[in-house]
Each structure stands twice: as structure tokens, then as C-alpha cells.
Amino acid sequence: MTNTSRFDTASNTIRSTAAALALGVTMALMGGLNGVADQQFNSVIADQADQGPTQVVVITGQRPARA
């Protein structure tokens, strides 16, 4: 017959609670970072719109033809 201590019996509950709290904090932080990223993206788009048209130069390289 095995006797389990009070801590062993409650440890699964404690571990589950700690995991749930860690998940909640992680999701809250990720949501906050997502909000900041969206705000920064919208700010950049708005700043580009205020500057007017810009010229973009695209340089492409080509291999010379073989002789």
C-alpha cells in the first residue's frame, strides 16, 4: 500500500493552475505585441501616404549569353 503525501495529491492541480496562468500571460503578451505591430504598420503606411509619390528604381541582373 502506497501512501501519497498531501503535496503529491495537490501537485497536479498546482501544475495545471501554473500552466494555465502561464498560458494566459503568454497570450496577453502576444496580443499586446500584435496590437503594437498593427499600430506601427498603420503609422508607416500613413506616413508614406503623406509624403506623396516616390520613385523606385529596380535593378535586375542578367547573366551574359554563353559564346
PDB file of N, CA and C in Angstrom:
ATOM      1  N   MET A   1       0.838  -1.175   0.000  1.00  0.00           N
ATOM      2  CA  MET A   1       0.000   0.000   0.000  1.00  0.00           C
ATOM      3  C   MET A   1       0.885   1.241   0.000  1.00  0.00           C
ATOM      4  N   THR A   2       0.581   2.152  -0.919  1.00  0.00           N
ATOM      5  CA  THR A   2       1.393   3.361  -1.058  1.00  0.00           C
ATOM      6  C   THR A   2       0.637   4.546  -0.471  1.00  0.00           C
ATOM      7  N   ASN A   3       1.318   5.254   0.373  1.00  0.00           N
ATOM      8  CA  ASN A   3       0.730   6.468   0.944  1.00  0.00           C
ATOM      9  C   ASN A   3       1.209   7.664   0.121  1.00  0.00           C
ATOM     10  N   THR A   4       0.283   8.502  -0.298  1.00  0.00           N
ATOM     11  CA  THR A   4       0.649   9.710  -1.023  1.00  0.00           C
ATOM     12  C   THR A   4       0.549  10.891  -0.081  1.00  0.00           C
ATOM     13  N   SER A   5       1.537  11.740  -0.152  1.00  0.00           N
ATOM     14  CA  SER A   5       1.502  12.919   0.713  1.00  0.00           C
ATOM     15  C   SER A   5       0.512  13.936   0.162  1.00  0.00           C
ATOM     16  N   ARG A   6       0.202  14.902   0.975  1.00  0.00           N
ATOM     17  CA  ARG A   6      -0.746  15.930   0.561  1.00  0.00           C
ATOM     18  C   ARG A   6      -0.219  16.728  -0.625  1.00  0.00           C
ATOM     19  N   PHE A   7       1.096  16.963  -0.653  1.00  0.00           N
ATOM     20  CA  PHE A   7       1.682  17.715  -1.756  1.00  0.00           C
ATOM     21  C   PHE A   7       1.565  16.948  -3.068  1.00  0.00           C
ATOM     22  N   ASP A   8       1.816  15.650  -3.035  1.00  0.00           N
ATOM     23  CA  ASP A   8       1.719  14.851  -4.259  1.00  0.00           C
ATOM     24  C   ASP A   8       0.299  14.853  -4.816  1.00  0.00           C
ATOM     25  N   THR A   9      -0.674  14.842  -3.953  1.00  0.00           N
ATOM     26  CA  THR A   9      -2.064  14.847  -4.393  1.00  0.00           C
ATOM     27  C   THR A   9      -2.427  16.183  -5.033  1.00  0.00           C
ATOM     28  N   ALA A  10      -1.929  17.269  -4.457  1.00  0.00           N
ATOM     29  CA  ALA A  10      -2.276  18.603  -4.942  1.00  0.00           C
ATOM     30  C   ALA A  10      -1.353  19.065  -6.063  1.00  0.00           C
ATOM     31  N   SER A  11      -0.264  18.349  -6.322  1.00  0.00           N
ATOM     32  CA  SER A  11       0.709  18.855  -7.280  1.00  0.00           C
ATOM     33  C   SER A  11       0.141  18.932  -8.695  1.00  0.00           C
ATOM     34  N   ASN A  12      -0.729  18.003  -9.076  1.00  0.00           N
ATOM     35  CA  ASN A  12      -1.329  18.083 -10.409  1.00  0.00           C
ATOM     36  C   ASN A  12      -2.201  19.322 -10.539  1.00  0.00           C
ATOM     37  N   THR A  13      -2.921  19.643  -9.499  1.00  0.00           N
ATOM     38  CA  THR A  13      -3.756  20.855  -9.515  1.00  0.00           C
ATOM     39  C   THR A  13      -2.885  22.098  -9.590  1.00  0.00           C
ATOM     40  N   ILE A  14      -1.812  22.096  -8.828  1.00  0.00           N
ATOM     41  CA  ILE A  14      -0.905  23.250  -8.830  1.00  0.00           C
ATOM     42  C   ILE A  14      -0.235  23.388 -10.193  1.00  0.00           C
ATOM     43  N   ARG A  15       0.210  22.286 -10.753  1.00  0.00           N
ATOM     44  CA  ARG A  15       0.848  22.339 -12.070  1.00  0.00           C
ATOM     45  C   ARG A  15      -0.131  22.803 -13.145  1.00  0.00           C
ATOM     46  N   SER A  16      -1.349  22.323 -13.094  1.00  0.00           N
ATOM     47  CA  SER A  16      -2.351  22.735 -14.076  1.00  0.00           C
ATOM     48  C   SER A  16      -2.664  24.215 -13.948  1.00  0.00           C
ATOM     49  N   THR A  17      -2.772  24.683 -12.717  1.00  0.00           N
ATOM     50  CA  THR A  17      -3.042  26.106 -12.482  1.00  0.00           C
ATOM     51  C   THR A  17      -1.885  26.967 -12.968  1.00  0.00           C
ATOM     52  N   ALA A  18      -0.659  26.543 -12.678  1.00  0.00           N
ATOM     53  CA  ALA A  18       0.511  27.300 -13.121  1.00  0.00           C
ATOM     54  C   ALA A  18       0.598  27.321 -14.644  1.00  0.00           C
ATOM     55  N   ALA A  19       0.314  26.197 -15.277  1.00  0.00           N
ATOM     56  CA  ALA A  19       0.349  26.148 -16.738  1.00  0.00           C
ATOM     57  C   ALA A  19      -0.728  27.049 -17.342  1.00  0.00           C
ATOM     58  N   ALA A  20      -1.900  27.049 -16.740  1.00  0.00           N
ATOM     59  CA  ALA A  20      -2.984  27.902 -17.244  1.00  0.00           C
ATOM     60  C   ALA A  20      -2.628  29.379 -17.079  1.00  0.00           C
ATOM     61  N   LEU A  21      -2.041  29.739 -15.952  1.00  0.00           N
ATOM     62  CA  LEU A  21      -1.631  31.129 -15.738  1.00  0.00           C
ATOM     63  C   LEU A  21      -0.532  31.526 -16.720  1.00  0.00           C
ATOM     64  N   ALA A  22       0.431  30.633 -16.935  1.00  0.00           N
ATOM     65  CA  ALA A  22       1.498  30.932 -17.887  1.00  0.00           C
ATOM     66  C   ALA A  22       0.937  31.104 -19.298  1.00  0.00           C
ATOM     67  N   LEU A  23      -0.008  30.270 -19.671  1.00  0.00           N
ATOM     68  CA  LEU A  23      -0.636  30.393 -20.981  1.00  0.00           C
ATOM     69  C   LEU A  23      -1.386  31.717 -21.100  1.00  0.00           C
ATOM     70  N   GLY A  24      -2.097  32.083 -20.040  1.00  0.00           N
ATOM     71  CA  GLY A  24      -2.835  33.346 -20.056  1.00  0.00           C
ATOM     72  C   GLY A  24      -1.920  34.545 -20.196  1.00  0.00           C
ATOM     73  N   VAL A  25      -0.818  34.549 -19.465  1.00  0.00           N
ATOM     74  CA  VAL A  25       0.138  35.656 -19.546  1.00  0.00           C
ATOM     75  C   VAL A  25       0.786  35.699 -20.926  1.00  0.00           C
ATOM     76  N   THR A  26       1.143  34.538 -21.462  1.00  0.00           N
ATOM     77  CA  THR A  26       1.756  34.483 -22.790  1.00  0.00           C
ATOM     78  C   THR A  26       0.803  35.016 -23.856  1.00  0.00           C
ATOM     79  N   MET A  27      -0.448  34.597 -23.796  1.00  0.00           N
ATOM     80  CA  MET A  27      -1.421  35.071 -24.789  1.00  0.00           C
ATOM     81  C   MET A  27      -1.667  36.576 -24.657  1.00  0.00           C
ATOM     82  N   ALA A  28      -1.677  37.080 -23.435  1.00  0.00           N
ATOM     83  CA  ALA A  28      -1.863  38.519 -23.234  1.00  0.00           C
ATOM     84  C   ALA A  28      -0.685  39.301 -23.811  1.00  0.00           C
ATOM     85  N   LEU A  29       0.531  38.810 -23.589  1.00  0.00           N
ATOM     86  CA  LEU A  29       1.705  39.485 -24.141  1.00  0.00           C
ATOM     87  C   LEU A  29       1.712  39.435 -25.666  1.00  0.00           C
ATOM     88  N   MET A  30       1.360  38.293 -26.222  1.00  0.00           N
ATOM     89  CA  MET A  30       1.331  38.183 -27.675  1.00  0.00           C
ATOM     90  C   MET A  30       0.262  39.089 -28.279  1.00  0.00           C
ATOM     91  N   GLY A  31      -0.873  39.190 -27.615  1.00  0.00           N
ATOM     92  CA  GLY A  31      -1.917  40.090 -28.086  1.00  0.00           C
ATOM     93  C   GLY A  31      -1.472  41.544 -28.033  1.00  0.00           C
ATOM     94  N   GLY A  32      -0.770  41.904 -26.974  1.00  0.00           N
ATOM     95  CA  GLY A  32      -0.250  43.265 -26.860  1.00  0.00           C
ATOM     96  C   GLY A  32       0.771  43.576 -27.934  1.00  0.00           C
ATOM     97  N   LEU A  33       1.667  42.628 -28.192  1.00  0.00           N
ATOM     98  CA  LEU A  33       2.657  42.825 -29.242  1.00  0.00           C
ATOM     99  C   LEU A  33       1.995  42.925 -30.615  1.00  0.00           C
ATOM    100  N   ASN A  34       0.957  42.151 -30.826  1.00  0.00           N
ATOM    101  CA  ASN A  34       0.234  42.220 -32.094  1.00  0.00           C
ATOM    102  C   ASN A  34      -0.398  43.596 -32.274  1.00  0.00           C
ATOM    103  N   GLY A  35      -0.946  44.139 -31.205  1.00  0.00           N
ATOM    104  CA  GLY A  35      -1.540  45.473 -31.280  1.00  0.00           C
ATOM    105  C   GLY A  35      -0.507  46.541 -31.590  1.00  0.00           C
ATOM    106  N   VAL A  36       0.660  46.446 -30.975  1.00  0.00           N
ATOM    107  CA  VAL A  36       1.728  47.412 -31.229  1.00  0.00           C
ATOM    108  C   VAL A  36       2.210  47.294 -32.670  1.00  0.00           C
ATOM    109  N   ALA A  37       2.360  46.059 -33.156  1.00  0.00           N
ATOM    110  CA  ALA A  37       2.811  45.859 -34.534  1.00  0.00           C
ATOM    111  C   ALA A  37       1.800  46.437 -35.527  1.00  0.00           C
ATOM    112  N   ASP A  38       0.521  46.228 -35.284  1.00  0.00           N
ATOM    113  CA  ASP A  38      -0.508  46.789 -36.172  1.00  0.00           C
ATOM    114  C   ASP A  38      -0.461  48.313 -36.168  1.00  0.00           C
ATOM    115  N   GLN A  39      -0.273  48.881 -34.991  1.00  0.00           N
ATOM    116  CA  GLN A  39      -0.218  50.338 -34.883  1.00  0.00           C
ATOM    117  C   GLN A  39       0.997  50.887 -35.630  1.00  0.00           C
ATOM    118  N   GLN A  40       2.150  50.241 -35.491  1.00  0.00           N
ATOM    119  CA  GLN A  40       3.351  50.691 -36.188  1.00  0.00           C
ATOM    120  C   GLN A  40       3.185  50.562 -37.706  1.00  0.00           C
ATOM    121  N   PHE A  41       2.595  49.466 -38.149  1.00  0.00           N
ATOM    122  CA  PHE A  41       2.376  49.255 -39.580  1.00  0.00           C
ATOM    123  C   PHE A  41       1.463  50.342 -40.140  1.00  0.00           C
ATOM    124  N   ASN A  42       0.372  50.623 -39.445  1.00  0.00           N
ATOM    125  CA  ASN A  42      -0.555  51.656 -39.917  1.00  0.00           C
ATOM    126  C   ASN A  42       0.106  53.025 -39.916  1.00  0.00           C
ATOM    127  N   SER A  43       0.975  53.276 -38.948  1.00  0.00           N
ATOM    128  CA  SER A  43       1.687  54.547 -38.888  1.00  0.00           C
ATOM    129  C   SER A  43       2.626  54.706 -40.081  1.00  0.00           C
ATOM    130  N   VAL A  44       3.319  53.638 -40.448  1.00  0.00           N
ATOM    131  CA  VAL A  44       4.229  53.694 -41.597  1.00  0.00           C
ATOM    132  C   VAL A  44       3.445  53.918 -42.882  1.00  0.00           C
ATOM    133  N   ILE A  45       2.337  53.240 -43.037  1.00  0.00           N
ATOM    134  CA  ILE A  45       1.516  53.414 -44.241  1.00  0.00           C
ATOM    135  C   ILE A  45       0.992  54.844 -44.325  1.00  0.00           C
ATOM    136  N   ALA A  46       0.561  55.393 -43.202  1.00  0.00           N
ATOM    137  CA  ALA A  46       0.055  56.765 -43.196  1.00  0.00           C
ATOM    138  C   ALA A  46       1.172  57.760 -43.502  1.00  0.00           C
ATOM    139  N   ASP A  47       2.364  57.538 -42.980  1.00  0.00           N
ATOM    140  CA  ASP A  47       3.489  58.428 -43.260  1.00  0.00           C
ATOM    141  C   ASP A  47       3.872  58.385 -44.732  1.00  0.00           C
ATOM    142  N   GLN A  48       3.823  57.201 -45.343  1.00  0.00           N
ATOM    143  CA  GLN A  48       4.139  57.100 -46.761  1.00  0.00           C
ATOM    144  C   GLN A  48       3.097  57.823 -47.603  1.00  0.00           C
ATOM    145  N   ALA A  49       1.855  57.765 -47.205  1.00  0.00           N
ATOM    146  CA  ALA A  49       0.789  58.426 -47.961  1.00  0.00           C
ATOM    147  C   ALA A  49       0.937  59.947 -47.879  1.00  0.00           C
ATOM    148  N   ASP A  50       1.435  60.448 -46.757  1.00  0.00           N
ATOM    149  CA  ASP A  50       1.597  61.894 -46.589  1.00  0.00           C
ATOM    150  C   ASP A  50       2.759  62.452 -47.399  1.00  0.00           C
ATOM    151  N   GLN A  51       3.713  61.613 -47.765  1.00  0.00           N
ATOM    152  CA  GLN A  51       4.899  62.095 -48.464  1.00  0.00           C
ATOM    153  C   GLN A  51       4.673  62.302 -49.955  1.00  0.00           C
ATOM    154  N   GLY A  52       3.620  61.767 -50.476  1.00  0.00           N
ATOM    155  CA  GLY A  52       3.363  61.913 -51.901  1.00  0.00           C
ATOM    156  C   GLY A  52       4.032  60.805 -52.682  1.00  0.00           C
ATOM    157  N   PRO A  53       4.019  60.936 -54.003  1.00  0.00           N
ATOM    158  CA  PRO A  53       4.580  59.859 -54.826  1.00  0.00           C
ATOM    159  C   PRO A  53       6.106  59.769 -54.681  1.00  0.00           C
ATOM    160  N   THR A  54       6.599  58.581 -54.758  1.00  0.00           N
ATOM    161  CA  THR A  54       8.039  58.354 -54.705  1.00  0.00           C
ATOM    162  C   THR A  54       8.462  57.548 -55.924  1.00  0.00           C
ATOM    163  N   GLN A  55       9.709  57.692 -56.312  1.00  0.00           N
ATOM    164  CA  GLN A  55      10.231  56.967 -57.455  1.00  0.00           C
ATOM    165  C   GLN A  55      11.023  55.774 -56.932  1.00  0.00           C
ATOM    166  N   VAL A  56      10.803  54.647 -57.546  1.00  0.00           N
ATOM    167  CA  VAL A  56      11.501  53.426 -57.158  1.00  0.00           C
ATOM    168  C   VAL A  56      12.285  52.937 -58.359  1.00  0.00           C
ATOM    169  N   VAL A  57      13.560  52.656 -58.151  1.00  0.00           N
ATOM    170  CA  VAL A  57      14.414  52.133 -59.209  1.00  0.00           C
ATOM    171  C   VAL A  57      14.688  50.674 -58.903  1.00  0.00           C
ATOM    172  N   VAL A  58      14.402  49.809 -59.873  1.00  0.00           N
ATOM    173  CA  VAL A  58      14.637  48.383 -59.706  1.00  0.00           C
ATOM    174  C   VAL A  58      15.750  47.978 -60.658  1.00  0.00           C
ATOM    175  N   ILE A  59      16.803  47.407 -60.123  1.00  0.00           N
ATOM    176  CA  ILE A  59      17.931  46.957 -60.938  1.00  0.00           C
ATOM    177  C   ILE A  59      17.919  45.443 -60.950  1.00  0.00           C
ATOM    178  N   THR A  60      17.896  44.894 -62.142  1.00  0.00           N
ATOM    179  CA  THR A  60      17.911  43.434 -62.263  1.00  0.00           C
ATOM    180  C   THR A  60      19.191  43.039 -62.947  1.00  0.00           C
ATOM    181  N   GLY A  61      19.762  41.947 -62.530  1.00  0.00           N
ATOM    182  CA  GLY A  61      20.986  41.452 -63.137  1.00  0.00           C
ATOM    183  C   GLY A  61      20.680  40.324 -64.103  1.00  0.00           C
ATOM    184  N   GLN A  62      21.453  40.244 -65.165  1.00  0.00           N
ATOM    185  CA  GLN A  62      21.285  39.174 -66.124  1.00  0.00           C
ATOM    186  C   GLN A  62      22.641  38.565 -66.414  1.00  0.00           C
ATOM    187  N   ARG A  63      22.640  37.284 -66.621  1.00  0.00           N
ATOM    188  CA  ARG A  63      23.877  36.607 -66.979  1.00  0.00           C
ATOM    189  C   ARG A  63      24.169  36.862 -68.442  1.00  0.00           C
ATOM    190  N   PRO A  64      25.421  37.074 -68.759  1.00  0.00           N
ATOM    191  CA  PRO A  64      25.755  37.247 -70.185  1.00  0.00           C
ATOM    192  C   PRO A  64      25.538  35.937 -70.948  1.00  0.00           C
ATOM    193  N   ALA A  65      25.212  36.050 -72.211  1.00  0.00           N
ATOM    194  CA  ALA A  65      24.962  34.867 -73.030  1.00  0.00           C
ATOM    195  C   ALA A  65      26.263  34.093 -73.216  1.00  0.00           C
ATOM    196  N   ARG A  66      26.148  32.791 -73.251  1.00  0.00           N
ATOM    197  CA  ARG A  66      27.331  31.958 -73.471  1.00  0.00           C
ATOM    198  C   ARG A  66      27.736  31.996 -74.935  1.00  0.00           C
ATOM    199  N   ALA A  67      29.015  31.984 -75.145  1.00  0.00           N
ATOM    200  CA  ALA A  67      29.514  32.028 -76.524  1.00  0.00           C
ATOM    201  C   ALA A  67      29.471  30.681 -77.200  1.00  0.00           C
TER     202      ALA A  67
END
